[in-house]
PDB file of N, CA and C in Angstrom:
ATOM      1  N   MET A   1      -1.586  17.873  10.234  1.00  0.00           N
ATOM      2  CA  MET A   1      -2.078  18.450   8.999  1.00  0.00           C
ATOM      3  C   MET A   1      -3.214  17.579   8.463  1.00  0.00           C
ATOM      4  N   ILE A   2      -4.300  18.201   8.080  1.00  0.00           N
ATOM      5  CA  ILE A   2      -5.453  17.487   7.552  1.00  0.00           C
ATOM      6  C   ILE A   2      -5.315  17.411   6.032  1.00  0.00           C
ATOM      7  N   LYS A   3      -5.461  16.207   5.498  1.00  0.00           N
ATOM      8  CA  LYS A   3      -5.346  16.005   4.050  1.00  0.00           C
ATOM      9  C   LYS A   3      -6.627  16.459   3.349  1.00  0.00           C
ATOM     10  N   ASN A   4      -6.465  16.909   2.126  1.00  0.00           N
ATOM     11  CA  ASN A   4      -7.585  17.306   1.297  1.00  0.00           C
ATOM     12  C   ASN A   4      -8.407  16.066   0.944  1.00  0.00           C
ATOM     13  N   ILE A   5      -9.725  16.121   1.126  1.00  0.00           N
ATOM     14  CA  ILE A   5     -10.599  14.969   0.884  1.00  0.00           C
ATOM     15  C   ILE A   5     -10.513  14.507  -0.569  1.00  0.00           C
ATOM     16  N   ALA A   6     -10.457  15.437  -1.515  1.00  0.00           N
ATOM     17  CA  ALA A   6     -10.395  15.069  -2.925  1.00  0.00           C
ATOM     18  C   ALA A   6      -9.139  14.261  -3.219  1.00  0.00           C
ATOM     19  N   LYS A   7      -8.034  14.615  -2.619  1.00  0.00           N
ATOM     20  CA  LYS A   7      -6.794  13.889  -2.863  1.00  0.00           C
ATOM     21  C   LYS A   7      -6.838  12.501  -2.233  1.00  0.00           C
ATOM     22  N   ILE A   8      -7.442  12.377  -1.065  1.00  0.00           N
ATOM     23  CA  ILE A   8      -7.584  11.061  -0.437  1.00  0.00           C
ATOM     24  C   ILE A   8      -8.456  10.169  -1.316  1.00  0.00           C
ATOM     25  N   ASN A   9      -9.522  10.722  -1.867  1.00  0.00           N
ATOM     26  CA  ASN A   9     -10.388   9.940  -2.760  1.00  0.00           C
ATOM     27  C   ASN A   9      -9.644   9.518  -4.021  1.00  0.00           C
ATOM     28  N   ASP A  10      -8.758  10.377  -4.528  1.00  0.00           N
ATOM     29  CA  ASP A  10      -7.934  10.010  -5.681  1.00  0.00           C
ATOM     30  C   ASP A  10      -6.991   8.868  -5.318  1.00  0.00           C
ATOM     31  N   ALA A  11      -6.443   8.898  -4.119  1.00  0.00           N
ATOM     32  CA  ALA A  11      -5.562   7.823  -3.666  1.00  0.00           C
ATOM     33  C   ALA A  11      -6.347   6.517  -3.548  1.00  0.00           C
ATOM     34  N   LYS A  12      -7.565   6.581  -3.046  1.00  0.00           N
ATOM     35  CA  LYS A  12      -8.402   5.381  -2.934  1.00  0.00           C
ATOM     36  C   LYS A  12      -8.672   4.782  -4.310  1.00  0.00           C
ATOM     37  N   LYS A  13      -8.968   5.644  -5.282  1.00  0.00           N
ATOM     38  CA  LYS A  13      -9.216   5.163  -6.645  1.00  0.00           C
ATOM     39  C   LYS A  13      -7.962   4.525  -7.238  1.00  0.00           C
ATOM     40  N   ALA A  14      -6.807   5.131  -6.981  1.00  0.00           N
ATOM     41  CA  ALA A  14      -5.548   4.588  -7.502  1.00  0.00           C
ATOM     42  C   ALA A  14      -5.240   3.230  -6.884  1.00  0.00           C
ATOM     43  N   VAL A  15      -5.460   3.094  -5.595  1.00  0.00           N
ATOM     44  CA  VAL A  15      -5.218   1.815  -4.921  1.00  0.00           C
ATOM     45  C   VAL A  15      -6.213   0.770  -5.416  1.00  0.00           C
ATOM     46  N   TYR A  16      -7.446   1.177  -5.650  1.00  0.00           N
ATOM     47  CA  TYR A  16      -8.474   0.231  -6.088  1.00  0.00           C
ATOM     48  C   TYR A  16      -8.124  -0.407  -7.430  1.00  0.00           C
ATOM     49  N   THR A  17      -7.355   0.261  -8.267  1.00  0.00           N
ATOM     50  CA  THR A  17      -6.960  -0.321  -9.555  1.00  0.00           C
ATOM     51  C   THR A  17      -6.076  -1.557  -9.365  1.00  0.00           C
ATOM     52  N   PHE A  18      -5.457  -1.704  -8.185  1.00  0.00           N
ATOM     53  CA  PHE A  18      -4.603  -2.856  -7.896  1.00  0.00           C
ATOM     54  C   PHE A  18      -5.355  -3.974  -7.172  1.00  0.00           C
ATOM     55  N   PHE A  19      -6.652  -3.815  -6.911  1.00  0.00           N
ATOM     56  CA  PHE A  19      -7.407  -4.780  -6.115  1.00  0.00           C
ATOM     57  C   PHE A  19      -7.388  -6.168  -6.747  1.00  0.00           C
ATOM     58  N   ASN A  20      -7.098  -7.185  -5.938  1.00  0.00           N
ATOM     59  CA  ASN A  20      -6.991  -8.594  -6.360  1.00  0.00           C
ATOM     60  C   ASN A  20      -5.910  -8.826  -7.402  1.00  0.00           C
ATOM     61  N   LYS A  21      -4.889  -8.000  -7.426  1.00  0.00           N
ATOM     62  CA  LYS A  21      -3.774  -8.171  -8.347  1.00  0.00           C
ATOM     63  C   LYS A  21      -2.495  -8.386  -7.547  1.00  0.00           C
ATOM     64  N   ASN A  22      -1.529  -9.012  -8.184  1.00  0.00           N
ATOM     65  CA  ASN A  22      -0.218  -9.186  -7.570  1.00  0.00           C
ATOM     66  C   ASN A  22       0.547  -7.875  -7.661  1.00  0.00           C
ATOM     67  N   VAL A  23       1.114  -7.449  -6.540  1.00  0.00           N
ATOM     68  CA  VAL A  23       1.797  -6.161  -6.489  1.00  0.00           C
ATOM     69  C   VAL A  23       3.143  -6.293  -5.793  1.00  0.00           C
ATOM     70  N   GLU A  24       4.003  -5.341  -6.082  1.00  0.00           N
ATOM     71  CA  GLU A  24       5.249  -5.188  -5.342  1.00  0.00           C
ATOM     72  C   GLU A  24       5.069  -3.960  -4.452  1.00  0.00           C
ATOM     73  N   VAL A  25       5.302  -4.131  -3.170  1.00  0.00           N
ATOM     74  CA  VAL A  25       5.103  -3.067  -2.191  1.00  0.00           C
ATOM     75  C   VAL A  25       6.463  -2.564  -1.738  1.00  0.00           C
ATOM     76  N   LYS A  26       6.663  -1.259  -1.800  1.00  0.00           N
ATOM     77  CA  LYS A  26       7.871  -0.630  -1.274  1.00  0.00           C
ATOM     78  C   LYS A  26       7.448   0.288  -0.142  1.00  0.00           C
ATOM     79  N   VAL A  27       8.064   0.076   1.025  1.00  0.00           N
ATOM     80  CA  VAL A  27       7.727   0.863   2.206  1.00  0.00           C
ATOM     81  C   VAL A  27       8.977   1.599   2.663  1.00  0.00           C
ATOM     82  N   ASN A  28       8.873   2.913   2.779  1.00  0.00           N
ATOM     83  CA  ASN A  28       9.974   3.730   3.282  1.00  0.00           C
ATOM     84  C   ASN A  28       9.903   3.720   4.806  1.00  0.00           C
ATOM     85  N   LEU A  29      10.910   3.141   5.446  1.00  0.00           N
ATOM     86  CA  LEU A  29      10.928   3.027   6.904  1.00  0.00           C
ATOM     87  C   LEU A  29      11.687   4.160   7.575  1.00  0.00           C
ATOM     88  N   GLY A  30      12.237   5.070   6.798  1.00  0.00           N
ATOM     89  CA  GLY A  30      12.998   6.180   7.355  1.00  0.00           C
ATOM     90  C   GLY A  30      14.459   5.823   7.535  1.00  0.00           C
ATOM     91  N   ARG A  31      15.291   6.842   7.722  1.00  0.00           N
ATOM     92  CA  ARG A  31      16.733   6.659   7.914  1.00  0.00           C
ATOM     93  C   ARG A  31      17.358   5.762   6.851  1.00  0.00           C
ATOM     94  N   ASN A  32      17.018   6.029   5.606  1.00  0.00           N
ATOM     95  CA  ASN A  32      17.553   5.311   4.456  1.00  0.00           C
ATOM     96  C   ASN A  32      17.262   3.813   4.481  1.00  0.00           C
ATOM     97  N   LYS A  33      16.159   3.420   5.107  1.00  0.00           N
ATOM     98  CA  LYS A  33      15.758   2.018   5.140  1.00  0.00           C
ATOM     99  C   LYS A  33      14.496   1.855   4.301  1.00  0.00           C
ATOM    100  N   GLU A  34      14.485   0.799   3.519  1.00  0.00           N
ATOM    101  CA  GLU A  34      13.340   0.535   2.660  1.00  0.00           C
ATOM    102  C   GLU A  34      13.048  -0.962   2.670  1.00  0.00           C
ATOM    103  N   LEU A  35      11.777  -1.310   2.748  1.00  0.00           N
ATOM    104  CA  LEU A  35      11.341  -2.703   2.734  1.00  0.00           C
ATOM    105  C   LEU A  35      10.585  -2.944   1.438  1.00  0.00           C
ATOM    106  N   THR A  36      10.930  -4.009   0.748  1.00  0.00           N
ATOM    107  CA  THR A  36      10.249  -4.367  -0.487  1.00  0.00           C
ATOM    108  C   THR A  36       9.793  -5.814  -0.387  1.00  0.00           C
ATOM    109  N   TYR A  37       8.532  -6.052  -0.718  1.00  0.00           N
ATOM    110  CA  TYR A  37       8.038  -7.424  -0.769  1.00  0.00           C
ATOM    111  C   TYR A  37       6.933  -7.528  -1.816  1.00  0.00           C
ATOM    112  N   ARG A  38       6.602  -8.756  -2.161  1.00  0.00           N
ATOM    113  CA  ARG A  38       5.558  -9.006  -3.151  1.00  0.00           C
ATOM    114  C   ARG A  38       4.378  -9.696  -2.487  1.00  0.00           C
ATOM    115  N   GLY A  39       3.199  -9.366  -2.970  1.00  0.00           N
ATOM    116  CA  GLY A  39       1.992  -9.955  -2.406  1.00  0.00           C
ATOM    117  C   GLY A  39       0.792  -9.647  -3.279  1.00  0.00           C
ATOM    118  N   LYS A  40      -0.386  -9.885  -2.718  1.00  0.00           N
ATOM    119  CA  LYS A  40      -1.633  -9.638  -3.431  1.00  0.00           C
ATOM    120  C   LYS A  40      -2.465  -8.666  -2.614  1.00  0.00           C
ATOM    121  N   LEU A  41      -2.952  -7.621  -3.252  1.00  0.00           N
ATOM    122  CA  LEU A  41      -3.794  -6.643  -2.570  1.00  0.00           C
ATOM    123  C   LEU A  41      -5.171  -7.280  -2.384  1.00  0.00           C
ATOM    124  N   THR A  42      -5.492  -7.633  -1.147  1.00  0.00           N
ATOM    125  CA  THR A  42      -6.691  -8.424  -0.893  1.00  0.00           C
ATOM    126  C   THR A  42      -7.816  -7.652  -0.220  1.00  0.00           C
ATOM    127  N   GLY A  43      -7.530  -6.532   0.392  1.00  0.00           N
ATOM    128  CA  GLY A  43      -8.581  -5.829   1.107  1.00  0.00           C
ATOM    129  C   GLY A  43      -8.587  -4.339   0.852  1.00  0.00           C
ATOM    130  N   ILE A  44      -9.769  -3.815   0.564  1.00  0.00           N
ATOM    131  CA  ILE A  44      -9.973  -2.377   0.405  1.00  0.00           C
ATOM    132  C   ILE A  44     -11.025  -1.974   1.430  1.00  0.00           C
ATOM    133  N   TYR A  45     -10.662  -1.121   2.352  1.00  0.00           N
ATOM    134  CA  TYR A  45     -11.551  -0.687   3.416  1.00  0.00           C
ATOM    135  C   TYR A  45     -11.644   0.838   3.405  1.00  0.00           C
ATOM    136  N   PRO A  46     -12.593   1.431   4.127  1.00  0.00           N
ATOM    137  CA  PRO A  46     -12.747   2.894   4.100  1.00  0.00           C
ATOM    138  C   PRO A  46     -11.504   3.664   4.547  1.00  0.00           C
ATOM    139  N   ALA A  47     -10.738   3.141   5.486  1.00  0.00           N
ATOM    140  CA  ALA A  47      -9.595   3.893   6.009  1.00  0.00           C
ATOM    141  C   ALA A  47      -8.246   3.285   5.645  1.00  0.00           C
ATOM    142  N   LEU A  48      -8.226   2.032   5.149  1.00  0.00           N
ATOM    143  CA  LEU A  48      -6.946   1.394   4.848  1.00  0.00           C
ATOM    144  C   LEU A  48      -7.109   0.306   3.804  1.00  0.00           C
ATOM    145  N   PHE A  49      -5.965  -0.213   3.337  1.00  0.00           N
ATOM    146  CA  PHE A  49      -5.958  -1.352   2.423  1.00  0.00           C
ATOM    147  C   PHE A  49      -4.942  -2.367   2.933  1.00  0.00           C
ATOM    148  N   THR A  50      -5.140  -3.639   2.577  1.00  0.00           N
ATOM    149  CA  THR A  50      -4.263  -4.694   3.067  1.00  0.00           C
ATOM    150  C   THR A  50      -3.636  -5.461   1.909  1.00  0.00           C
ATOM    151  N   VAL A  51      -2.416  -5.922   2.165  1.00  0.00           N
ATOM    152  CA  VAL A  51      -1.675  -6.713   1.193  1.00  0.00           C
ATOM    153  C   VAL A  51      -1.295  -8.023   1.863  1.00  0.00           C
ATOM    154  N   SER A  52      -1.611  -9.153   1.212  1.00  0.00           N
ATOM    155  CA  SER A  52      -1.219 -10.466   1.723  1.00  0.00           C
ATOM    156  C   SER A  52       0.094 -10.858   1.066  1.00  0.00           C
ATOM    157  N   PRO A  53       1.182 -10.946   1.830  1.00  0.00           N
ATOM    158  CA  PRO A  53       2.488 -11.274   1.240  1.00  0.00           C
ATOM    159  C   PRO A  53       2.548 -12.728   0.769  1.00  0.00           C
ATOM    160  N   PHE A  54       3.356 -12.968  -0.265  1.00  0.00           N
ATOM    161  CA  PHE A  54       3.544 -14.321  -0.775  1.00  0.00           C
ATOM    162  C   PHE A  54       4.402 -15.149   0.174  1.00  0.00           C
ATOM    163  N   GLU A  55       5.309 -14.514   0.897  1.00  0.00           N
ATOM    164  CA  GLU A  55       6.176 -15.228   1.829  1.00  0.00           C
ATOM    165  C   GLU A  55       5.370 -15.630   3.060  1.00  0.00           C
ATOM    166  N   LYS A  56       5.426 -16.875   3.429  1.00  0.00           N
ATOM    167  CA  LYS A  56       4.641 -17.372   4.563  1.00  0.00           C
ATOM    168  C   LYS A  56       5.181 -16.880   5.899  1.00  0.00           C
ATOM    169  N   ASP A  57       6.482 -16.641   5.994  1.00  0.00           N
ATOM    170  CA  ASP A  57       7.081 -16.227   7.267  1.00  0.00           C
ATOM    171  C   ASP A  57       7.347 -14.723   7.329  1.00  0.00           C
ATOM    172  N   PHE A  58       6.580 -13.939   6.577  1.00  0.00           N
ATOM    173  CA  PHE A  58       6.762 -12.490   6.551  1.00  0.00           C
ATOM    174  C   PHE A  58       6.356 -11.890   7.886  1.00  0.00           C
ATOM    175  N   LYS A  59       7.234 -11.091   8.472  1.00  0.00           N
ATOM    176  CA  LYS A  59       6.969 -10.505   9.790  1.00  0.00           C
ATOM    177  C   LYS A  59       6.931  -8.986   9.696  1.00  0.00           C
ATOM    178  N   GLY A  60       6.114  -8.461   8.838  1.00  0.00           N
ATOM    179  CA  GLY A  60       6.048  -7.014   8.689  1.00  0.00           C
ATOM    180  C   GLY A  60       4.615  -6.524   8.649  1.00  0.00           C
ATOM    181  N   LYS A  61       4.483  -5.242   8.498  1.00  0.00           N
ATOM    182  CA  LYS A  61       3.171  -4.604   8.439  1.00  0.00           C
ATOM    183  C   LYS A  61       2.538  -4.878   7.079  1.00  0.00           C
ATOM    184  N   THR A  62       1.276  -5.254   7.076  1.00  0.00           N
ATOM    185  CA  THR A  62       0.607  -5.559   5.818  1.00  0.00           C
ATOM    186  C   THR A  62      -0.652  -4.726   5.578  1.00  0.00           C
ATOM    187  N   SER A  63      -0.944  -3.777   6.452  1.00  0.00           N
ATOM    188  CA  SER A  63      -2.077  -2.883   6.210  1.00  0.00           C
ATOM    189  C   SER A  63      -1.564  -1.440   6.233  1.00  0.00           C
ATOM    190  N   TYR A  64      -2.066  -0.647   5.320  1.00  0.00           N
ATOM    191  CA  TYR A  64      -1.571   0.718   5.145  1.00  0.00           C
ATOM    192  C   TYR A  64      -2.752   1.667   4.956  1.00  0.00           C
ATOM    193  N   SER A  65      -2.574   2.899   5.397  1.00  0.00           N
ATOM    194  CA  SER A  65      -3.608   3.909   5.203  1.00  0.00           C
ATOM    195  C   SER A  65      -3.415   4.570   3.839  1.00  0.00           C
ATOM    196  N   TYR A  66      -4.468   5.189   3.362  1.00  0.00           N
ATOM    197  CA  TYR A  66      -4.393   5.876   2.071  1.00  0.00           C
ATOM    198  C   TYR A  66      -3.477   7.098   2.159  1.00  0.00           C
ATOM    199  N   SER A  67      -3.364   7.694   3.329  1.00  0.00           N
ATOM    200  CA  SER A  67      -2.464   8.842   3.474  1.00  0.00           C
ATOM    201  C   SER A  67      -1.005   8.411   3.342  1.00  0.00           C
ATOM    202  N   GLU A  68      -0.662   7.195   3.782  1.00  0.00           N
ATOM    203  CA  GLU A  68       0.694   6.686   3.592  1.00  0.00           C
ATOM    204  C   GLU A  68       0.994   6.515   2.099  1.00  0.00           C
ATOM    205  N   PHE A  69       0.003   6.048   1.352  1.00  0.00           N
ATOM    206  CA  PHE A  69       0.149   5.906  -0.094  1.00  0.00           C
ATOM    207  C   PHE A  69       0.249   7.278  -0.754  1.00  0.00           C
ATOM    208  N   LEU A  70      -0.577   8.207  -0.316  1.00  0.00           N
ATOM    209  CA  LEU A  70      -0.609   9.549  -0.883  1.00  0.00           C
ATOM    210  C   LEU A  70       0.697  10.297  -0.641  1.00  0.00           C
ATOM    211  N   CYS A  71       1.269  10.132   0.541  1.00  0.00           N
ATOM    212  CA  CYS A  71       2.517  10.823   0.898  1.00  0.00           C
ATOM    213  C   CYS A  71       3.758  10.153   0.320  1.00  0.00           C
ATOM    214  N   GLY A  72       3.623   8.954  -0.211  1.00  0.00           N
ATOM    215  CA  GLY A  72       4.764   8.272  -0.812  1.00  0.00           C
ATOM    216  C   GLY A  72       5.514   7.362   0.147  1.00  0.00           C
ATOM    217  N   THR A  73       5.021   7.196   1.356  1.00  0.00           N
ATOM    218  CA  THR A  73       5.648   6.267   2.288  1.00  0.00           C
ATOM    219  C   THR A  73       5.496   4.844   1.800  1.00  0.00           C
ATOM    220  N   VAL A  74       4.379   4.559   1.145  1.00  0.00           N
ATOM    221  CA  VAL A  74       4.098   3.241   0.573  1.00  0.00           C
ATOM    222  C   VAL A  74       3.848   3.424  -0.918  1.00  0.00           C
ATOM    223  N   SER A  75       4.476   2.575  -1.725  1.00  0.00           N
ATOM    224  CA  SER A  75       4.200   2.627  -3.155  1.00  0.00           C
ATOM    225  C   SER A  75       3.854   1.219  -3.642  1.00  0.00           C
ATOM    226  N   LEU A  76       2.981   1.144  -4.625  1.00  0.00           N
ATOM    227  CA  LEU A  76       2.541  -0.123  -5.198  1.00  0.00           C
ATOM    228  C   LEU A  76       2.909  -0.160  -6.666  1.00  0.00           C
ATOM    229  N   LYS A  77       3.307  -1.349  -7.113  1.00  0.00           N
ATOM    230  CA  LYS A  77       3.637  -1.545  -8.518  1.00  0.00           C
ATOM    231  C   LYS A  77       3.048  -2.882  -8.935  1.00  0.00           C
ATOM    232  N   ALA A  78       2.287  -2.892 -10.012  1.00  0.00           N
ATOM    233  CA  ALA A  78       1.660  -4.128 -10.487  1.00  0.00           C
ATOM    234  C   ALA A  78       2.714  -5.058 -11.061  1.00  0.00           C
ATOM    235  N   LEU A  79       2.559  -6.336 -10.770  1.00  0.00           N
ATOM    236  CA  LEU A  79       3.447  -7.349 -11.330  1.00  0.00           C
ATOM    237  C   LEU A  79       2.744  -7.964 -12.540  1.00  0.00           C
ATOM    238  N   GLY A  80       3.454  -8.065 -13.637  1.00  0.00           N
ATOM    239  CA  GLY A  80       2.824  -8.553 -14.845  1.00  0.00           C
ATOM    240  C   GLY A  80       3.221  -9.838 -15.260  1.00  0.00           C
TER     241      GLY A  80
END
């Protein structure tokens, strides 16, 4: 399924509001599994964004596409 360009651009704008901020990332891994970690959103690229985790020994995925954010597989929450 091809995503609507306007919605992808809205997702990019929403992610950009978290740029260089500390965030809590929740990733739905399927089968009732969820990964939560904290980090800093350090990279905004045309097709994806990256989060640098605070934990030095983190062994998980740290780059996500905007479609994952749009579909709700990945959610971001600002830490205050």
